[in-house]
Amino acid sequence: THTTTGATGIGSATGLPAGVTANWSGGTITISGTPTASGVFNYTIPLTGGCGTANATGTITVNANKTVSAASSSPTVCINNAITNITHTTTGATGIGSATGLPAGVTANWSGGTITISGTPTASGVFNYTIPLTGGCGTANATGTITVNAQDAATISYPNAMYCLTDNDATPTIVGITGGTFSSTIGLSINSTSGIIEFGSSTVGTYIVSYTTTGTCPKIATTSVEVSSCTGVEMSSTNNTIRIYPNPTSNILNIEYGANEVEQILMFNVLGEKVLNTKTLNSTLTSLSVKDLTTGIYFVQLLNSSGKIILIQKIAIK
């Protein structure tokens, strides 16, 4: 307001911001309204009537509302992969409030008028985020979208973990996304499309088979396969009457020997751990149940009544 004396009214005001007007009543000029433009406005309002010339003058400063730009990008990434930084440019703000809607592993920071969103999302989905600006005039929020795709789901397995060179081809079971490609360490004959292993063309060894999906976010699933020659290795024997069969086996292992030739039977895994210890009870045939043993290579050790090792043979349990 401006208080006047000797005037009877006012003329046209100049310099007021748009949306603001001046009115005179009872000797008082009242300036009011809602400015719709920002800037520094030096106004002049001439008085009318009475003697002489007089003007009401003053200054109105209108600060602009804070603003924020659109996101620099709306990225689509695979889970557990870092996003390319997203930025928003702001004006009139002094900082940001708490962001909402960002995926876990992603954060927002403000510096020098720029919001920077960065990180590695650890959750999948479509994330619509909101980041409120603080300080300055008005209300403004930075908004955008980040899409995080889940990794392909796939596992592979073969019927057995151990095979002999003479075994039939083995076909994998795929749980999840099909249509990927197979590979293995050198020495295993494997079809890259079907994953079928041909043991007759492979060499003895333990192999890691990898299956890589071809989706938006590929996964590499692995499994281990052992290939054995499945042949016995004899150290010494009192005669040639000892037979161990079938080899490989998955249920019963038969050991035949001459009368009073074998008194004790031991079995060890490839780590040297004893998994079986039994007496022969003076028979000429001992049948052992091996169905509860894990698949792999084992060594059967036969001892005579003096505790001397008379034979060691490698067997395969499937």
Protein backbone atom coordinates (compact mmCIF):
# COMPACT_ATOMS: atom_id res chain seq x y z
CA THR A 1 0.00 0.00 0.00
CA HIS A 2 0.89 3.67 -0.46
CA THR A 3 -0.82 6.41 1.59
CA THR A 4 -1.60 9.62 -0.31
CA THR A 5 -2.76 13.13 0.64
CA GLY A 6 -4.29 15.78 -1.58
CA ALA A 7 -4.99 13.29 -4.37
CA THR A 8 -8.34 12.22 -5.68
CA GLY A 9 -7.22 9.05 -7.49
CA ILE A 10 -4.47 7.45 -9.56
CA GLY A 11 -3.58 7.22 -13.20
CA SER A 12 -2.40 4.17 -15.14
CA ALA A 13 0.31 2.21 -13.37
CA THR A 14 3.40 1.22 -15.30
CA GLY A 15 6.02 -1.41 -14.55
CA LEU A 16 3.82 -3.78 -12.55
CA PRO A 17 4.28 -7.50 -13.32
CA ALA A 18 1.51 -9.16 -15.29
CA GLY A 19 -1.27 -10.32 -12.98
CA VAL A 20 -0.74 -7.44 -10.50
CA THR A 21 -2.91 -4.27 -10.38
CA ALA A 22 -3.10 -1.01 -8.42
CA ASN A 23 -6.29 0.50 -6.97
CA TRP A 24 -6.98 3.77 -5.03
CA SER A 25 -9.55 4.17 -2.28
CA GLY A 26 -9.84 6.68 0.58
CA GLY A 27 -6.37 8.06 -0.04
CA THR A 28 -4.67 4.64 -0.12
CA ILE A 29 -3.15 2.89 -3.14
CA THR A 30 -3.37 -0.89 -2.83
CA ILE A 31 -1.28 -3.09 -5.08
CA SER A 32 -2.39 -6.72 -5.25
CA GLY A 33 -2.58 -9.80 -7.44
CA THR A 34 -0.63 -12.88 -8.48
CA PRO A 35 2.35 -12.21 -10.72
CA THR A 36 2.58 -14.48 -13.73
CA ALA A 37 6.01 -13.35 -14.83
CA SER A 38 9.34 -13.41 -13.02
CA GLY A 39 11.88 -10.64 -12.75
CA VAL A 40 12.52 -7.32 -10.99
CA PHE A 41 9.67 -4.86 -11.61
CA ASN A 42 10.10 -1.12 -10.84
CA TYR A 43 6.63 0.37 -10.98
CA THR A 44 5.29 3.93 -11.17
CA ILE A 45 1.73 4.99 -10.29
CA PRO A 46 0.85 8.66 -10.95
CA LEU A 47 -1.51 10.43 -8.53
CA THR A 48 -4.36 12.50 -9.99
CA GLY A 49 -6.21 15.53 -8.65
CA GLY A 50 -4.98 18.10 -6.14
CA CYS A 51 -1.96 20.30 -6.70
CA GLY A 52 1.44 19.38 -8.06
CA THR A 53 2.73 16.06 -9.39
CA ALA A 54 3.42 12.92 -7.41
CA ASN A 55 4.03 9.27 -8.21
CA ALA A 56 3.94 6.17 -6.09
CA THR A 57 6.97 4.05 -6.90
CA GLY A 58 8.41 0.80 -5.69
CA THR A 59 9.93 -2.54 -6.65
CA ILE A 60 8.45 -6.03 -6.80
CA THR A 61 10.81 -8.97 -7.22
CA VAL A 62 9.23 -12.15 -8.58
CA ASN A 63 11.36 -15.27 -8.41
CA ALA A 64 10.74 -17.94 -11.00
CA ASN A 65 9.34 -21.30 -9.88
CA LYS A 66 11.93 -24.07 -9.75
CA THR A 67 12.02 -26.31 -12.80
CA VAL A 68 13.41 -29.69 -13.72
CA SER A 69 14.15 -31.20 -17.11
CA ALA A 70 13.02 -34.55 -18.44
CA ALA A 71 15.27 -37.54 -17.79
CA SER A 72 18.33 -37.78 -20.00
CA SER A 73 17.36 -41.39 -20.71
CA SER A 74 14.91 -44.14 -19.74
CA PRO A 75 17.24 -47.13 -19.59
CA THR A 76 16.45 -50.80 -19.89
CA VAL A 77 19.06 -53.03 -18.24
CA CYS A 78 19.51 -56.56 -16.96
CA ILE A 79 19.35 -57.15 -13.23
CA ASN A 80 22.71 -56.79 -11.45
CA ASN A 81 24.09 -54.66 -14.29
CA ALA A 82 24.94 -51.00 -13.69
CA ILE A 83 22.76 -48.40 -15.40
CA THR A 84 24.21 -45.57 -17.45
CA ASN A 85 23.82 -42.45 -15.30
CA ILE A 86 20.51 -40.63 -15.71
CA THR A 87 20.53 -36.84 -15.23
CA HIS A 88 17.92 -34.11 -14.69
CA THR A 89 18.82 -30.43 -14.92
CA THR A 90 17.12 -28.13 -12.37
CA THR A 91 16.69 -24.39 -11.91
CA GLY A 92 15.66 -22.52 -8.78
CA ALA A 93 16.18 -25.53 -6.51
CA THR A 94 18.69 -25.94 -3.70
CA GLY A 95 18.53 -29.73 -3.39
CA ILE A 96 16.28 -32.79 -3.53
CA GLY A 97 14.10 -34.68 -1.10
CA SER A 98 13.80 -38.45 -0.71
CA ALA A 99 13.42 -40.28 -4.01
CA THR A 100 10.64 -42.85 -4.34
CA GLY A 101 10.21 -45.64 -6.89
CA LEU A 102 13.87 -46.27 -7.66
CA PRO A 103 14.92 -49.95 -7.86
CA ALA A 104 17.01 -51.34 -5.01
CA GLY A 105 20.67 -50.58 -5.63
CA VAL A 106 20.00 -47.28 -7.43
CA THR A 107 20.25 -43.84 -5.79
CA ALA A 108 19.76 -40.17 -6.68
CA ASN A 109 22.10 -37.29 -5.79
CA TRP A 110 21.97 -33.53 -6.41
CA SER A 111 24.94 -31.26 -7.11
CA GLY A 112 25.25 -27.92 -8.83
CA GLY A 113 21.69 -27.97 -10.09
CA THR A 114 21.92 -31.47 -11.58
CA ILE A 115 20.27 -34.65 -10.30
CA THR A 116 22.32 -37.77 -11.07
CA ILE A 117 20.75 -41.23 -10.78
CA SER A 118 23.21 -44.13 -10.70
CA GLY A 119 23.81 -47.62 -9.37
CA THR A 120 23.28 -51.32 -10.05
CA PRO A 121 19.67 -52.53 -9.72
CA THR A 122 19.23 -55.72 -7.72
CA ALA A 123 15.50 -56.12 -8.38
CA SER A 124 13.65 -56.56 -11.67
CA GLY A 125 10.53 -54.77 -12.90
CA VAL A 126 9.42 -51.41 -14.29
CA PHE A 127 10.25 -48.62 -11.86
CA ASN A 128 8.57 -45.21 -12.16
CA TYR A 129 10.48 -42.87 -9.88
CA THR A 130 9.73 -39.46 -8.38
CA ILE A 131 12.33 -37.09 -6.88
CA PRO A 132 11.01 -33.88 -5.23
CA LEU A 133 13.02 -30.67 -5.58
CA THR A 134 13.59 -28.59 -2.45
CA GLY A 135 14.17 -24.85 -1.96
CA GLY A 136 13.13 -22.07 -4.30
CA CYS A 137 9.56 -21.33 -5.30
CA GLY A 138 6.76 -23.65 -6.32
CA THR A 139 6.71 -27.41 -6.47
CA ALA A 140 8.58 -29.59 -8.95
CA ASN A 141 9.46 -33.29 -9.21
CA ALA A 142 11.92 -35.13 -11.39
CA THR A 143 10.24 -38.21 -12.82
CA GLY A 144 11.28 -41.04 -15.10
CA THR A 145 11.27 -44.78 -15.72
CA ILE A 146 13.89 -47.47 -15.31
CA THR A 147 13.18 -50.96 -16.68
CA VAL A 148 15.13 -53.85 -15.16
CA ASN A 149 14.83 -57.23 -16.87
CA ALA A 150 15.22 -60.44 -14.87
CA GLN A 151 17.99 -62.86 -15.79
CA ASP A 152 16.98 -65.90 -17.82
CA ALA A 153 16.10 -68.92 -15.69
CA ALA A 154 17.72 -72.21 -16.70
CA THR A 155 19.37 -75.26 -15.16
CA ILE A 156 20.81 -78.34 -16.86
CA SER A 157 21.55 -81.89 -15.76
CA TYR A 158 22.44 -85.27 -17.21
CA PRO A 159 21.01 -88.62 -16.03
CA ASN A 160 24.32 -89.50 -14.36
CA ALA A 161 27.35 -87.63 -13.08
CA MET A 162 29.77 -90.34 -14.27
CA TYR A 163 29.93 -92.25 -17.55
CA CYS A 164 32.18 -94.83 -19.19
CA LEU A 165 33.74 -94.45 -22.64
CA THR A 166 31.55 -97.36 -23.79
CA ASP A 167 28.27 -95.82 -22.61
CA ASN A 168 25.52 -94.69 -24.96
CA ASP A 169 25.15 -90.99 -25.69
CA ALA A 170 23.68 -88.88 -22.86
CA THR A 171 20.99 -86.25 -23.42
CA PRO A 172 20.65 -83.29 -21.02
CA THR A 173 17.52 -82.14 -19.24
CA ILE A 174 16.90 -78.39 -19.44
CA VAL A 175 14.65 -76.72 -16.86
CA GLY A 176 13.72 -73.20 -17.91
CA ILE A 177 14.53 -71.42 -21.15
CA THR A 178 15.41 -73.75 -24.02
CA GLY A 179 17.14 -73.00 -27.32
CA GLY A 180 20.51 -72.05 -25.85
CA THR A 181 23.96 -73.35 -26.76
CA PHE A 182 26.18 -75.94 -25.07
CA SER A 183 29.94 -75.95 -24.64
CA SER A 184 32.51 -77.78 -22.57
CA THR A 185 36.15 -77.89 -21.67
CA ILE A 186 38.36 -79.60 -24.26
CA GLY A 187 38.11 -83.38 -24.50
CA LEU A 188 34.35 -83.89 -24.27
CA SER A 189 32.47 -84.57 -27.51
CA ILE A 190 29.29 -82.52 -27.12
CA ASN A 191 26.71 -81.22 -29.61
CA SER A 192 26.51 -77.45 -29.19
CA THR A 193 22.81 -77.35 -30.10
CA SER A 194 21.35 -80.42 -28.39
CA GLY A 195 23.90 -80.90 -25.61
CA ILE A 196 24.12 -84.63 -26.40
CA ILE A 197 27.45 -86.11 -25.25
CA GLU A 198 29.10 -88.83 -27.36
CA PHE A 199 31.36 -90.75 -24.97
CA GLY A 200 32.97 -92.92 -27.63
CA SER A 201 34.59 -89.80 -29.09
CA SER A 202 35.50 -88.26 -25.73
CA THR A 203 38.58 -88.69 -23.58
CA VAL A 204 38.78 -89.65 -19.92
CA GLY A 205 38.41 -86.70 -17.56
CA THR A 206 36.09 -84.48 -15.56
CA TYR A 207 34.33 -81.77 -17.58
CA ILE A 208 32.26 -78.68 -16.93
CA VAL A 209 29.35 -78.43 -19.36
CA SER A 210 28.00 -74.90 -19.86
CA TYR A 211 24.59 -73.96 -21.25
CA THR A 212 24.13 -70.34 -22.33
CA THR A 213 20.62 -68.98 -22.92
CA THR A 214 19.89 -66.56 -25.74
CA GLY A 215 17.30 -64.34 -24.04
CA THR A 216 17.46 -60.63 -23.24
CA CYS A 217 19.49 -61.30 -20.12
CA PRO A 218 21.43 -64.54 -20.78
CA LYS A 219 22.35 -66.99 -18.07
CA ILE A 220 25.16 -69.56 -18.06
CA ALA A 221 24.10 -72.77 -16.30
CA THR A 222 26.74 -75.41 -15.60
CA THR A 223 27.01 -79.03 -14.53
CA SER A 224 29.86 -81.49 -14.11
CA VAL A 225 30.30 -84.75 -16.06
CA GLU A 226 33.00 -87.34 -15.45
CA VAL A 227 34.13 -89.73 -18.17
CA SER A 228 36.03 -92.87 -17.08
CA SER A 229 37.65 -95.77 -18.92
CA CYS A 230 35.96 -98.04 -16.33
CA THR A 231 38.76 -100.63 -16.48
CA GLY A 232 40.31 -102.41 -13.54
CA VAL A 233 43.86 -101.76 -12.31
CA GLU A 234 45.40 -104.84 -10.65
CA MET A 235 48.35 -104.58 -8.29
CA SER A 236 48.90 -108.25 -7.56
CA SER A 237 46.88 -111.43 -7.26
CA THR A 238 47.52 -114.93 -6.00
CA ASN A 239 45.63 -116.38 -8.98
CA ASN A 240 43.35 -115.40 -11.78
CA THR A 241 40.13 -116.59 -10.16
CA ILE A 242 39.07 -113.16 -8.83
CA ARG A 243 36.25 -111.44 -10.73
CA ILE A 244 34.56 -108.12 -9.89
CA TYR A 245 31.38 -107.41 -11.82
CA PRO A 246 29.38 -105.67 -13.21
CA ASN A 247 31.61 -102.69 -13.82
CA PRO A 248 30.17 -100.08 -13.96
CA THR A 249 27.29 -100.81 -11.63
CA SER A 250 24.51 -98.89 -9.94
CA ASN A 251 23.08 -101.42 -7.49
CA ILE A 252 24.96 -104.68 -6.71
CA LEU A 253 28.69 -105.33 -7.02
CA ASN A 254 29.68 -109.01 -7.10
CA ILE A 255 33.14 -110.21 -6.08
CA GLU A 256 34.11 -113.83 -6.86
CA TYR A 257 37.30 -115.46 -5.58
CA GLY A 258 38.81 -118.80 -4.70
CA ALA A 259 38.24 -120.59 -1.41
CA ASN A 260 40.01 -118.92 1.53
CA GLU A 261 41.61 -116.44 -0.89
CA VAL A 262 39.90 -113.22 0.28
CA GLU A 263 39.08 -112.40 3.89
CA GLN A 264 38.39 -108.64 3.87
CA ILE A 265 36.96 -106.20 1.30
CA LEU A 266 37.58 -102.45 1.50
CA MET A 267 36.28 -99.69 -0.77
CA PHE A 268 37.65 -96.15 -1.05
CA ASN A 269 36.48 -93.07 -2.94
CA VAL A 270 38.81 -90.91 -5.04
CA LEU A 271 39.59 -88.80 -1.97
CA GLY A 272 40.98 -91.86 -0.21
CA GLU A 273 38.06 -92.01 2.23
CA LYS A 274 36.97 -95.50 3.27
CA VAL A 275 33.30 -96.03 2.34
CA LEU A 276 33.01 -99.81 2.93
CA ASN A 277 34.69 -102.45 5.10
CA THR A 278 33.38 -106.01 5.25
CA LYS A 279 34.51 -109.57 5.97
CA THR A 280 33.95 -112.39 3.44
CA LEU A 281 32.95 -115.07 5.95
CA ASN A 282 34.91 -117.81 4.08
CA SER A 283 32.56 -117.72 1.10
CA THR A 284 33.60 -117.56 -2.55
CA LEU A 285 31.13 -114.82 -3.57
CA THR A 286 30.33 -111.59 -1.87
CA SER A 287 27.57 -109.31 -3.21
CA LEU A 288 27.74 -105.71 -2.05
CA SER A 289 24.92 -103.16 -2.22
CA VAL A 290 26.31 -99.89 -3.58
CA LYS A 291 23.02 -98.17 -4.44
CA ASP A 292 23.45 -95.64 -1.62
CA LEU A 293 26.88 -94.51 -2.79
CA THR A 294 27.13 -91.38 -4.93
CA THR A 295 28.06 -91.82 -8.56
CA GLY A 296 31.76 -91.73 -9.32
CA ILE A 297 34.97 -93.72 -9.27
CA TYR A 298 35.86 -96.05 -6.39
CA PHE A 299 38.67 -98.49 -5.62
CA VAL A 300 37.99 -102.00 -4.32
CA GLN A 301 40.80 -103.42 -2.21
CA LEU A 302 40.93 -107.17 -1.42
CA LEU A 303 42.97 -108.48 1.51
CA ASN A 304 43.92 -112.07 2.41
CA SER A 305 43.97 -113.58 5.91
CA SER A 306 47.41 -112.08 6.55
CA GLY A 307 46.14 -108.58 5.82
CA LYS A 308 48.09 -108.43 2.56
CA ILE A 309 46.56 -106.57 -0.36
CA ILE A 310 46.06 -109.09 -3.17
CA LEU A 311 44.17 -106.86 -5.61
CA ILE A 312 43.03 -103.30 -6.16
CA GLN A 313 40.47 -102.60 -8.87
CA LYS A 314 38.88 -99.40 -9.99
CA ILE A 315 35.11 -99.51 -10.42
CA ALA A 316 32.52 -97.02 -11.57
CA ILE A 317 29.21 -96.47 -9.81
CA LYS A 318 26.52 -94.87 -11.95
